[in-house]
């Protein structure tokens, strides 16, 4: 998959960036637009990254789950929904899960 390597080079993505993109794409409530805002990677390119980084069966399950899902596409979301914050996330935490 040479095209995925070109994506990594085009956006100068580090291994950490790729891991974060996969994590964000896997989350149901993180829209593709948020990934594009943060990393500049478009939805179609995120899909190719996911296919490269995941086992085929996991990728198929993910694609089936997110295809057409309103929470993954801002244009399909209700207008009053602006962002999601997990109840497990600290207030100022750099996205770390709080210890209980």
PDB file of N, CA and C in Angstrom:
ATOM      1  N   UNK A   1       0.834  -1.191   0.000  1.00  0.00           N
ATOM      2  CA  UNK A   1       0.000   0.000   0.000  1.00  0.00           C
ATOM      3  C   UNK A   1       0.872   1.246   0.000  1.00  0.00           C
ATOM      4  N   UNK A   2       1.416   1.559  -1.139  1.00  0.00           N
ATOM      5  CA  UNK A   2       2.270   2.718  -1.272  1.00  0.00           C
ATOM      6  C   UNK A   2       1.540   4.027  -1.062  1.00  0.00           C
ATOM      7  N   UNK A   3       0.232   4.045  -1.369  1.00  0.00           N
ATOM      8  CA  UNK A   3      -0.532   5.282  -1.225  1.00  0.00           C
ATOM      9  C   UNK A   3      -0.627   5.729   0.233  1.00  0.00           C
ATOM     10  N   UNK A   4      -0.642   4.773   1.164  1.00  0.00           N
ATOM     11  CA  UNK A   4      -0.707   5.127   2.578  1.00  0.00           C
ATOM     12  C   UNK A   4       0.619   5.740   3.014  1.00  0.00           C
ATOM     13  N   UNK A   5       1.725   5.198   2.536  1.00  0.00           N
ATOM     14  CA  UNK A   5       3.027   5.788   2.861  1.00  0.00           C
ATOM     15  C   UNK A   5       3.111   7.211   2.344  1.00  0.00           C
ATOM     16  N   UNK A   6       2.522   7.464   1.185  1.00  0.00           N
ATOM     17  CA  UNK A   6       2.500   8.825   0.638  1.00  0.00           C
ATOM     18  C   UNK A   6       1.702   9.757   1.545  1.00  0.00           C
ATOM     19  N   UNK A   7       0.602   9.237   2.110  1.00  0.00           N
ATOM     20  CA  UNK A   7      -0.200  10.038   3.053  1.00  0.00           C
ATOM     21  C   UNK A   7       0.646  10.380   4.270  1.00  0.00           C
ATOM     22  N   UNK A   8       1.360   9.387   4.816  1.00  0.00           N
ATOM     23  CA  UNK A   8       2.206   9.612   5.988  1.00  0.00           C
ATOM     24  C   UNK A   8       3.252  10.679   5.689  1.00  0.00           C
ATOM     25  N   UNK A   9       3.843  10.623   4.499  1.00  0.00           N
ATOM     26  CA  UNK A   9       4.867  11.594   4.123  1.00  0.00           C
ATOM     27  C   UNK A   9       4.259  12.961   3.829  1.00  0.00           C
ATOM     28  N   UNK A  10       3.126  12.970   3.133  1.00  0.00           N
ATOM     29  CA  UNK A  10       2.464  14.231   2.762  1.00  0.00           C
ATOM     30  C   UNK A  10       2.164  15.085   3.985  1.00  0.00           C
ATOM     31  N   UNK A  11       1.673  14.444   5.042  1.00  0.00           N
ATOM     32  CA  UNK A  11       1.292  15.171   6.253  1.00  0.00           C
ATOM     33  C   UNK A  11       2.356  15.112   7.339  1.00  0.00           C
ATOM     34  N   UNK A  12       3.492  14.479   7.020  1.00  0.00           N
ATOM     35  CA  UNK A  12       4.595  14.334   7.976  1.00  0.00           C
ATOM     36  C   UNK A  12       4.096  13.740   9.288  1.00  0.00           C
ATOM     37  N   UNK A  13       3.363  12.636   9.186  1.00  0.00           N
ATOM     38  CA  UNK A  13       2.770  11.991  10.354  1.00  0.00           C
ATOM     39  C   UNK A  13       3.791  11.112  11.065  1.00  0.00           C
ATOM     40  N   UNK A  14       3.879  11.290  12.366  1.00  0.00           N
ATOM     41  CA  UNK A  14       4.737  10.438  13.187  1.00  0.00           C
ATOM     42  C   UNK A  14       3.945   9.191  13.576  1.00  0.00           C
ATOM     43  N   UNK A  15       4.619   8.219  14.156  1.00  0.00           N
ATOM     44  CA  UNK A  15       3.920   7.024  14.643  1.00  0.00           C
ATOM     45  C   UNK A  15       2.873   7.410  15.684  1.00  0.00           C
ATOM     46  N   UNK A  16       3.210   8.384  16.501  1.00  0.00           N
ATOM     47  CA  UNK A  16       2.273   8.850  17.527  1.00  0.00           C
ATOM     48  C   UNK A  16       1.034   9.495  16.901  1.00  0.00           C
ATOM     49  N   UNK A  17       1.249  10.284  15.827  1.00  0.00           N
ATOM     50  CA  UNK A  17       0.126  10.897  15.108  1.00  0.00           C
ATOM     51  C   UNK A  17      -0.790   9.830  14.516  1.00  0.00           C
ATOM     52  N   UNK A  18      -0.187   8.817  13.916  1.00  0.00           N
ATOM     53  CA  UNK A  18      -0.962   7.738  13.303  1.00  0.00           C
ATOM     54  C   UNK A  18      -1.778   7.012  14.360  1.00  0.00           C
ATOM     55  N   UNK A  19      -1.156   6.724  15.505  1.00  0.00           N
ATOM     56  CA  UNK A  19      -1.874   6.074  16.604  1.00  0.00           C
ATOM     57  C   UNK A  19      -3.060   6.926  17.060  1.00  0.00           C
ATOM     58  N   UNK A  20      -2.849   8.226  17.148  1.00  0.00           N
ATOM     59  CA  UNK A  20      -3.925   9.128  17.593  1.00  0.00           C
ATOM     60  C   UNK A  20      -5.043   9.206  16.551  1.00  0.00           C
ATOM     61  N   UNK A  21      -4.686   9.220  15.277  1.00  0.00           N
ATOM     62  CA  UNK A  21      -5.697   9.236  14.216  1.00  0.00           C
ATOM     63  C   UNK A  21      -6.550   7.975  14.284  1.00  0.00           C
ATOM     64  N   UNK A  22      -5.901   6.825  14.452  1.00  0.00           N
ATOM     65  CA  UNK A  22      -6.626   5.555  14.563  1.00  0.00           C
ATOM     66  C   UNK A  22      -7.543   5.587  15.784  1.00  0.00           C
ATOM     67  N   UNK A  23      -7.027   6.084  16.890  1.00  0.00           N
ATOM     68  CA  UNK A  23      -7.825   6.162  18.115  1.00  0.00           C
ATOM     69  C   UNK A  23      -9.039   7.071  17.919  1.00  0.00           C
ATOM     70  N   UNK A  24      -8.831   8.235  17.317  1.00  0.00           N
ATOM     71  CA  UNK A  24      -9.919   9.181  17.093  1.00  0.00           C
ATOM     72  C   UNK A  24     -10.949   8.615  16.106  1.00  0.00           C
ATOM     73  N   UNK A  25     -10.466   7.940  15.074  1.00  0.00           N
ATOM     74  CA  UNK A  25     -11.373   7.359  14.079  1.00  0.00           C
ATOM     75  C   UNK A  25     -12.185   6.225  14.691  1.00  0.00           C
ATOM     76  N   UNK A  26     -11.594   5.493  15.612  1.00  0.00           N
ATOM     77  CA  UNK A  26     -12.290   4.362  16.251  1.00  0.00           C
ATOM     78  C   UNK A  26     -13.402   4.854  17.173  1.00  0.00           C
ATOM     79  N   UNK A  27     -13.211   6.020  17.798  1.00  0.00           N
ATOM     80  CA  UNK A  27     -14.213   6.569  18.711  1.00  0.00           C
ATOM     81  C   UNK A  27     -15.462   6.965  17.933  1.00  0.00           C
ATOM     82  N   UNK A  28     -16.609   6.538  18.396  1.00  0.00           N
ATOM     83  CA  UNK A  28     -17.858   6.804  17.686  1.00  0.00           C
ATOM     84  C   UNK A  28     -18.222   8.284  17.648  1.00  0.00           C
ATOM     85  N   UNK A  29     -17.891   9.017  18.671  1.00  0.00           N
ATOM     86  CA  UNK A  29     -18.341  10.409  18.760  1.00  0.00           C
ATOM     87  C   UNK A  29     -17.333  11.430  18.246  1.00  0.00           C
ATOM     88  N   UNK A  30     -16.215  10.986  17.741  1.00  0.00           N
ATOM     89  CA  UNK A  30     -15.237  11.917  17.181  1.00  0.00           C
ATOM     90  C   UNK A  30     -15.462  12.004  15.676  1.00  0.00           C
ATOM     91  N   UNK A  31     -15.907  13.163  15.177  1.00  0.00           N
ATOM     92  CA  UNK A  31     -16.176  13.274  13.739  1.00  0.00           C
ATOM     93  C   UNK A  31     -14.875  13.299  12.922  1.00  0.00           C
ATOM     94  N   UNK A  32     -14.989  12.867  11.676  1.00  0.00           N
ATOM     95  CA  UNK A  32     -13.844  12.907  10.771  1.00  0.00           C
ATOM     96  C   UNK A  32     -13.334  14.337  10.614  1.00  0.00           C
ATOM     97  N   UNK A  33     -14.236  15.306  10.728  1.00  0.00           N
ATOM     98  CA  UNK A  33     -13.844  16.712  10.614  1.00  0.00           C
ATOM     99  C   UNK A  33     -12.855  17.103  11.703  1.00  0.00           C
ATOM    100  N   UNK A  34     -12.995  16.530  12.894  1.00  0.00           N
ATOM    101  CA  UNK A  34     -12.067  16.832  13.990  1.00  0.00           C
ATOM    102  C   UNK A  34     -10.673  16.300  13.666  1.00  0.00           C
ATOM    103  N   UNK A  35     -10.612  15.145  13.028  1.00  0.00           N
ATOM    104  CA  UNK A  35      -9.315  14.583  12.624  1.00  0.00           C
ATOM    105  C   UNK A  35      -8.697  15.480  11.555  1.00  0.00           C
ATOM    106  N   UNK A  36      -9.527  15.928  10.618  1.00  0.00           N
ATOM    107  CA  UNK A  36      -9.018  16.817   9.572  1.00  0.00           C
ATOM    108  C   UNK A  36      -8.554  18.145  10.157  1.00  0.00           C
ATOM    109  N   UNK A  37      -9.299  18.683  11.121  1.00  0.00           N
ATOM    110  CA  UNK A  37      -8.906  19.942  11.760  1.00  0.00           C
ATOM    111  C   UNK A  37      -7.562  19.804  12.471  1.00  0.00           C
ATOM    112  N   UNK A  38      -7.360  18.682  13.135  1.00  0.00           N
ATOM    113  CA  UNK A  38      -6.150  18.502  13.929  1.00  0.00           C
ATOM    114  C   UNK A  38      -4.940  18.079  13.104  1.00  0.00           C
ATOM    115  N   UNK A  39      -5.150  17.177  12.133  1.00  0.00           N
ATOM    116  CA  UNK A  39      -4.021  16.615  11.396  1.00  0.00           C
ATOM    117  C   UNK A  39      -4.011  16.978   9.913  1.00  0.00           C
ATOM    118  N   UNK A  40      -5.114  17.528   9.398  1.00  0.00           N
ATOM    119  CA  UNK A  40      -5.196  17.874   7.989  1.00  0.00           C
ATOM    120  C   UNK A  40      -5.529  16.700   7.087  1.00  0.00           C
ATOM    121  N   UNK A  41      -5.805  15.537   7.668  1.00  0.00           N
ATOM    122  CA  UNK A  41      -6.054  14.317   6.908  1.00  0.00           C
ATOM    123  C   UNK A  41      -7.558  14.199   6.623  1.00  0.00           C
ATOM    124  N   UNK A  42      -7.909  14.063   5.338  1.00  0.00           N
ATOM    125  CA  UNK A  42      -9.309  13.971   4.931  1.00  0.00           C
ATOM    126  C   UNK A  42      -9.898  12.602   5.257  1.00  0.00           C
ATOM    127  N   UNK A  43     -11.227  12.531   5.270  1.00  0.00           N
ATOM    128  CA  UNK A  43     -11.932  11.301   5.629  1.00  0.00           C
ATOM    129  C   UNK A  43     -11.478  10.110   4.780  1.00  0.00           C
ATOM    130  N   UNK A  44     -11.370  10.286   3.476  1.00  0.00           N
ATOM    131  CA  UNK A  44     -10.972   9.172   2.604  1.00  0.00           C
ATOM    132  C   UNK A  44      -9.570   8.674   2.936  1.00  0.00           C
ATOM    133  N   UNK A  45      -8.704   9.596   3.341  1.00  0.00           N
ATOM    134  CA  UNK A  45      -7.344   9.214   3.721  1.00  0.00           C
ATOM    135  C   UNK A  45      -7.324   8.526   5.088  1.00  0.00           C
ATOM    136  N   UNK A  46      -8.204   8.959   5.991  1.00  0.00           N
ATOM    137  CA  UNK A  46      -8.332   8.303   7.292  1.00  0.00           C
ATOM    138  C   UNK A  46      -8.778   6.857   7.084  1.00  0.00           C
ATOM    139  N   UNK A  47      -9.697   6.652   6.171  1.00  0.00           N
ATOM    140  CA  UNK A  47     -10.176   5.300   5.879  1.00  0.00           C
ATOM    141  C   UNK A  47      -9.030   4.428   5.379  1.00  0.00           C
ATOM    142  N   UNK A  48      -8.184   4.973   4.514  1.00  0.00           N
ATOM    143  CA  UNK A  48      -7.031   4.200   4.017  1.00  0.00           C
ATOM    144  C   UNK A  48      -6.030   3.922   5.133  1.00  0.00           C
ATOM    145  N   UNK A  49      -5.815   4.884   6.010  1.00  0.00           N
ATOM    146  CA  UNK A  49      -4.919   4.668   7.153  1.00  0.00           C
ATOM    147  C   UNK A  49      -5.476   3.555   8.039  1.00  0.00           C
ATOM    148  N   UNK A  50      -6.777   3.620   8.318  1.00  0.00           N
ATOM    149  CA  UNK A  50      -7.399   2.596   9.168  1.00  0.00           C
ATOM    150  C   UNK A  50      -7.249   1.212   8.543  1.00  0.00           C
ATOM    151  N   UNK A  51      -7.443   1.119   7.248  1.00  0.00           N
ATOM    152  CA  UNK A  51      -7.325  -0.179   6.573  1.00  0.00           C
ATOM    153  C   UNK A  51      -5.906  -0.720   6.672  1.00  0.00           C
ATOM    154  N   UNK A  52      -4.934   0.177   6.582  1.00  0.00           N
ATOM    155  CA  UNK A  52      -3.523  -0.237   6.664  1.00  0.00           C
ATOM    156  C   UNK A  52      -3.143  -0.648   8.083  1.00  0.00           C
ATOM    157  N   UNK A  53      -3.646   0.058   9.073  1.00  0.00           N
ATOM    158  CA  UNK A  53      -3.214  -0.134  10.457  1.00  0.00           C
ATOM    159  C   UNK A  53      -3.982  -1.213  11.215  1.00  0.00           C
ATOM    160  N   UNK A  54      -5.114  -1.658  10.677  1.00  0.00           N
ATOM    161  CA  UNK A  54      -5.958  -2.618  11.389  1.00  0.00           C
ATOM    162  C   UNK A  54      -5.975  -3.967  10.677  1.00  0.00           C
ATOM    163  N   UNK A  55      -6.350  -4.992  11.438  1.00  0.00           N
ATOM    164  CA  UNK A  55      -6.610  -6.282  10.809  1.00  0.00           C
ATOM    165  C   UNK A  55      -7.830  -6.111   9.904  1.00  0.00           C
ATOM    166  N   UNK A  56      -7.886  -6.877   8.836  1.00  0.00           N
ATOM    167  CA  UNK A  56      -8.966  -6.739   7.867  1.00  0.00           C
ATOM    168  C   UNK A  56     -10.341  -6.917   8.514  1.00  0.00           C
ATOM    169  N   UNK A  57     -10.489  -7.906   9.386  1.00  0.00           N
ATOM    170  CA  UNK A  57     -11.789  -8.139  10.027  1.00  0.00           C
ATOM    171  C   UNK A  57     -12.186  -6.952  10.914  1.00  0.00           C
ATOM    172  N   UNK A  58     -11.215  -6.371  11.615  1.00  0.00           N
ATOM    173  CA  UNK A  58     -11.497  -5.204  12.467  1.00  0.00           C
ATOM    174  C   UNK A  58     -11.865  -4.006  11.611  1.00  0.00           C
ATOM    175  N   UNK A  59     -11.162  -3.836  10.499  1.00  0.00           N
ATOM    176  CA  UNK A  59     -11.451  -2.720   9.602  1.00  0.00           C
ATOM    177  C   UNK A  59     -12.853  -2.838   9.028  1.00  0.00           C
ATOM    178  N   UNK A  60     -13.249  -4.038   8.602  1.00  0.00           N
ATOM    179  CA  UNK A  60     -14.594  -4.249   8.048  1.00  0.00           C
ATOM    180  C   UNK A  60     -15.665  -3.933   9.086  1.00  0.00           C
ATOM    181  N   UNK A  61     -15.437  -4.367  10.328  1.00  0.00           N
ATOM    182  CA  UNK A  61     -16.380  -4.087  11.402  1.00  0.00           C
ATOM    183  C   UNK A  61     -16.478  -2.583  11.647  1.00  0.00           C
ATOM    184  N   UNK A  62     -15.334  -1.892  11.659  1.00  0.00           N
ATOM    185  CA  UNK A  62     -15.304  -0.446  11.874  1.00  0.00           C
ATOM    186  C   UNK A  62     -16.022   0.279  10.745  1.00  0.00           C
ATOM    187  N   UNK A  63     -15.741  -0.097   9.491  1.00  0.00           N
ATOM    188  CA  UNK A  63     -16.368   0.562   8.342  1.00  0.00           C
ATOM    189  C   UNK A  63     -17.885   0.414   8.377  1.00  0.00           C
ATOM    190  N   UNK A  64     -18.333  -0.775   8.713  1.00  0.00           N
ATOM    191  CA  UNK A  64     -19.770  -1.028   8.780  1.00  0.00           C
ATOM    192  C   UNK A  64     -20.404  -0.161   9.870  1.00  0.00           C
ATOM    193  N   UNK A  65     -19.692   0.000  10.991  1.00  0.00           N
ATOM    194  CA  UNK A  65     -20.211   0.758  12.127  1.00  0.00           C
ATOM    195  C   UNK A  65     -20.268   2.253  11.844  1.00  0.00           C
ATOM    196  N   UNK A  66     -19.253   2.813  11.186  1.00  0.00           N
ATOM    197  CA  UNK A  66     -19.190   4.273  11.031  1.00  0.00           C
ATOM    198  C   UNK A  66     -19.803   4.791   9.747  1.00  0.00           C
ATOM    199  N   UNK A  67     -20.057   3.921   8.788  1.00  0.00           N
ATOM    200  CA  UNK A  67     -20.589   4.380   7.508  1.00  0.00           C
ATOM    201  C   UNK A  67     -21.961   5.011   7.693  1.00  0.00           C
ATOM    202  N   UNK A  68     -22.068   6.292   7.398  1.00  0.00           N
ATOM    203  CA  UNK A  68     -23.329   7.011   7.516  1.00  0.00           C
ATOM    204  C   UNK A  68     -23.727   7.391   8.934  1.00  0.00           C
ATOM    205  N   UNK A  69     -22.868   7.102   9.916  1.00  0.00           N
ATOM    206  CA  UNK A  69     -23.166   7.414  11.315  1.00  0.00           C
ATOM    207  C   UNK A  69     -23.134   8.931  11.513  1.00  0.00           C
ATOM    208  N   UNK A  70     -24.201   9.453  12.064  1.00  0.00           N
ATOM    209  CA  UNK A  70     -24.326  10.899  12.235  1.00  0.00           C
ATOM    210  C   UNK A  70     -23.232  11.480  13.124  1.00  0.00           C
ATOM    211  N   UNK A  71     -22.805  10.751  14.142  1.00  0.00           N
ATOM    212  CA  UNK A  71     -21.796  11.295  15.053  1.00  0.00           C
ATOM    213  C   UNK A  71     -20.420  11.370  14.412  1.00  0.00           C
ATOM    214  N   UNK A  72     -20.176  10.665  13.318  1.00  0.00           N
ATOM    215  CA  UNK A  72     -18.876  10.706  12.650  1.00  0.00           C
ATOM    216  C   UNK A  72     -18.818  11.780  11.568  1.00  0.00           C
ATOM    217  N   UNK A  73     -19.960  12.374  11.234  1.00  0.00           N
ATOM    218  CA  UNK A  73     -20.018  13.364  10.171  1.00  0.00           C
ATOM    219  C   UNK A  73     -20.757  14.591  10.678  1.00  0.00           C
ATOM    220  N   UNK A  74     -20.069  15.704  10.805  1.00  0.00           N
ATOM    221  CA  UNK A  74     -20.680  16.923  11.369  1.00  0.00           C
ATOM    222  C   UNK A  74     -21.927  17.346  10.606  1.00  0.00           C
ATOM    223  N   UNK A  75     -21.917  17.162   9.293  1.00  0.00           N
ATOM    224  CA  UNK A  75     -23.072  17.613   8.506  1.00  0.00           C
ATOM    225  C   UNK A  75     -24.317  16.785   8.807  1.00  0.00           C
ATOM    226  N   UNK A  76     -24.165  15.584   9.369  1.00  0.00           N
ATOM    227  CA  UNK A  76     -25.306  14.742   9.714  1.00  0.00           C
ATOM    228  C   UNK A  76     -25.738  14.903  11.169  1.00  0.00           C
ATOM    229  N   UNK A  77     -24.925  15.594  11.970  1.00  0.00           N
ATOM    230  CA  UNK A  77     -25.238  15.772  13.396  1.00  0.00           C
ATOM    231  C   UNK A  77     -26.330  16.798  13.596  1.00  0.00           C
ATOM    232  N   UNK A  78     -26.984  16.686  14.727  1.00  0.00           N
ATOM    233  CA  UNK A  78     -27.948  17.717  15.120  1.00  0.00           C
ATOM    234  C   UNK A  78     -27.182  19.016  15.345  1.00  0.00           C
ATOM    235  N   UNK A  79     -27.756  20.125  14.988  1.00  0.00           N
ATOM    236  CA  UNK A  79     -27.044  21.401  15.058  1.00  0.00           C
ATOM    237  C   UNK A  79     -26.639  21.790  16.474  1.00  0.00           C
ATOM    238  N   UNK A  80     -27.369  21.334  17.490  1.00  0.00           N
ATOM    239  CA  UNK A  80     -27.033  21.697  18.854  1.00  0.00           C
ATOM    240  C   UNK A  80     -25.879  20.868  19.413  1.00  0.00           C
ATOM    241  N   UNK A  81     -25.478  19.799  18.734  1.00  0.00           N
ATOM    242  CA  UNK A  81     -24.382  18.959  19.201  1.00  0.00           C
ATOM    243  C   UNK A  81     -23.079  19.560  18.706  1.00  0.00           C
ATOM    244  N   UNK A  82     -22.284  20.091  19.612  1.00  0.00           N
ATOM    245  CA  UNK A  82     -21.038  20.726  19.197  1.00  0.00           C
ATOM    246  C   UNK A  82     -19.816  19.884  19.535  1.00  0.00           C
ATOM    247  N   UNK A  83     -19.811  19.227  20.692  1.00  0.00           N
ATOM    248  CA  UNK A  83     -18.678  18.383  21.058  1.00  0.00           C
ATOM    249  C   UNK A  83     -19.119  17.392  22.125  1.00  0.00           C
ATOM    250  N   UNK A  84     -18.308  16.373  22.290  1.00  0.00           N
ATOM    251  CA  UNK A  84     -18.576  15.360  23.296  1.00  0.00           C
ATOM    252  C   UNK A  84     -17.419  15.338  24.266  1.00  0.00           C
ATOM    253  N   UNK A  85     -17.725  15.235  25.553  1.00  0.00           N
ATOM    254  CA  UNK A  85     -16.685  15.094  26.558  1.00  0.00           C
ATOM    255  C   UNK A  85     -17.076  13.944  27.471  1.00  0.00           C
ATOM    256  N   UNK A  86     -16.216  12.973  27.546  1.00  0.00           N
ATOM    257  CA  UNK A  86     -16.470  11.806  28.372  1.00  0.00           C
ATOM    258  C   UNK A  86     -16.545  12.213  29.840  1.00  0.00           C
ATOM    259  N   UNK A  87     -17.402  11.556  30.600  1.00  0.00           N
ATOM    260  CA  UNK A  87     -17.493  11.826  32.034  1.00  0.00           C
ATOM    261  C   UNK A  87     -16.250  11.327  32.760  1.00  0.00           C
ATOM    262  N   UNK A  88     -15.460  10.465  32.099  1.00  0.00           N
ATOM    263  CA  UNK A  88     -14.243   9.942  32.704  1.00  0.00           C
ATOM    264  C   UNK A  88     -13.044  10.852  32.463  1.00  0.00           C
ATOM    265  N   UNK A  89     -13.214  11.896  31.671  1.00  0.00           N
ATOM    266  CA  UNK A  89     -12.115  12.796  31.343  1.00  0.00           C
ATOM    267  C   UNK A  89     -11.979  13.874  32.406  1.00  0.00           C
ATOM    268  N   UNK A  90     -10.746  14.130  32.839  1.00  0.00           N
ATOM    269  CA  UNK A  90     -10.506  15.203  33.797  1.00  0.00           C
ATOM    270  C   UNK A  90     -10.851  16.543  33.165  1.00  0.00           C
ATOM    271  N   UNK A  91     -11.056  17.542  33.994  1.00  0.00           N
ATOM    272  CA  UNK A  91     -11.397  18.866  33.476  1.00  0.00           C
ATOM    273  C   UNK A  91     -10.255  19.454  32.658  1.00  0.00           C
ATOM    274  N   UNK A  92      -9.062  19.473  33.190  1.00  0.00           N
ATOM    275  CA  UNK A  92      -7.886  19.947  32.451  1.00  0.00           C
ATOM    276  C   UNK A  92      -6.862  18.827  32.560  1.00  0.00           C
ATOM    277  N   UNK A  93      -6.841  17.963  31.548  1.00  0.00           N
ATOM    278  CA  UNK A  93      -6.077  16.734  31.734  1.00  0.00           C
ATOM    279  C   UNK A  93      -5.256  16.304  30.541  1.00  0.00           C
ATOM    280  N   UNK A  94      -5.299  17.048  29.466  1.00  0.00           N
ATOM    281  CA  UNK A  94      -4.646  16.597  28.243  1.00  0.00           C
ATOM    282  C   UNK A  94      -5.199  15.250  27.825  1.00  0.00           C
ATOM    283  N   UNK A  95      -6.507  15.051  28.056  1.00  0.00           N
ATOM    284  CA  UNK A  95      -7.244  13.865  27.639  1.00  0.00           C
ATOM    285  C   UNK A  95      -6.875  12.591  28.403  1.00  0.00           C
ATOM    286  N   UNK A  96      -6.383  12.716  29.642  1.00  0.00           N
ATOM    287  CA  UNK A  96      -6.061  11.550  30.457  1.00  0.00           C
ATOM    288  C   UNK A  96      -7.283  11.117  31.252  1.00  0.00           C
ATOM    289  N   UNK A  97      -7.385   9.832  31.502  1.00  0.00           N
ATOM    290  CA  UNK A  97      -8.471   9.312  32.314  1.00  0.00           C
ATOM    291  C   UNK A  97      -8.096   9.498  33.780  1.00  0.00           C
ATOM    292  N   UNK A  98      -9.012  10.045  34.543  1.00  0.00           N
ATOM    293  CA  UNK A  98      -8.721  10.308  35.949  1.00  0.00           C
ATOM    294  C   UNK A  98      -8.628   9.023  36.730  1.00  0.00           C
ATOM    295  N   UNK A  99      -7.816   9.041  37.784  1.00  0.00           N
ATOM    296  CA  UNK A  99      -7.696   7.884  38.664  1.00  0.00           C
ATOM    297  C   UNK A  99      -8.839   7.914  39.659  1.00  0.00           C
ATOM    298  N   UNK A 100      -9.368   6.772  39.964  1.00  0.00           N
ATOM    299  CA  UNK A 100     -10.518   6.727  40.879  1.00  0.00           C
ATOM    300  C   UNK A 100     -10.132   6.097  42.172  1.00  0.00           C
TER     301      UNK A 100
END
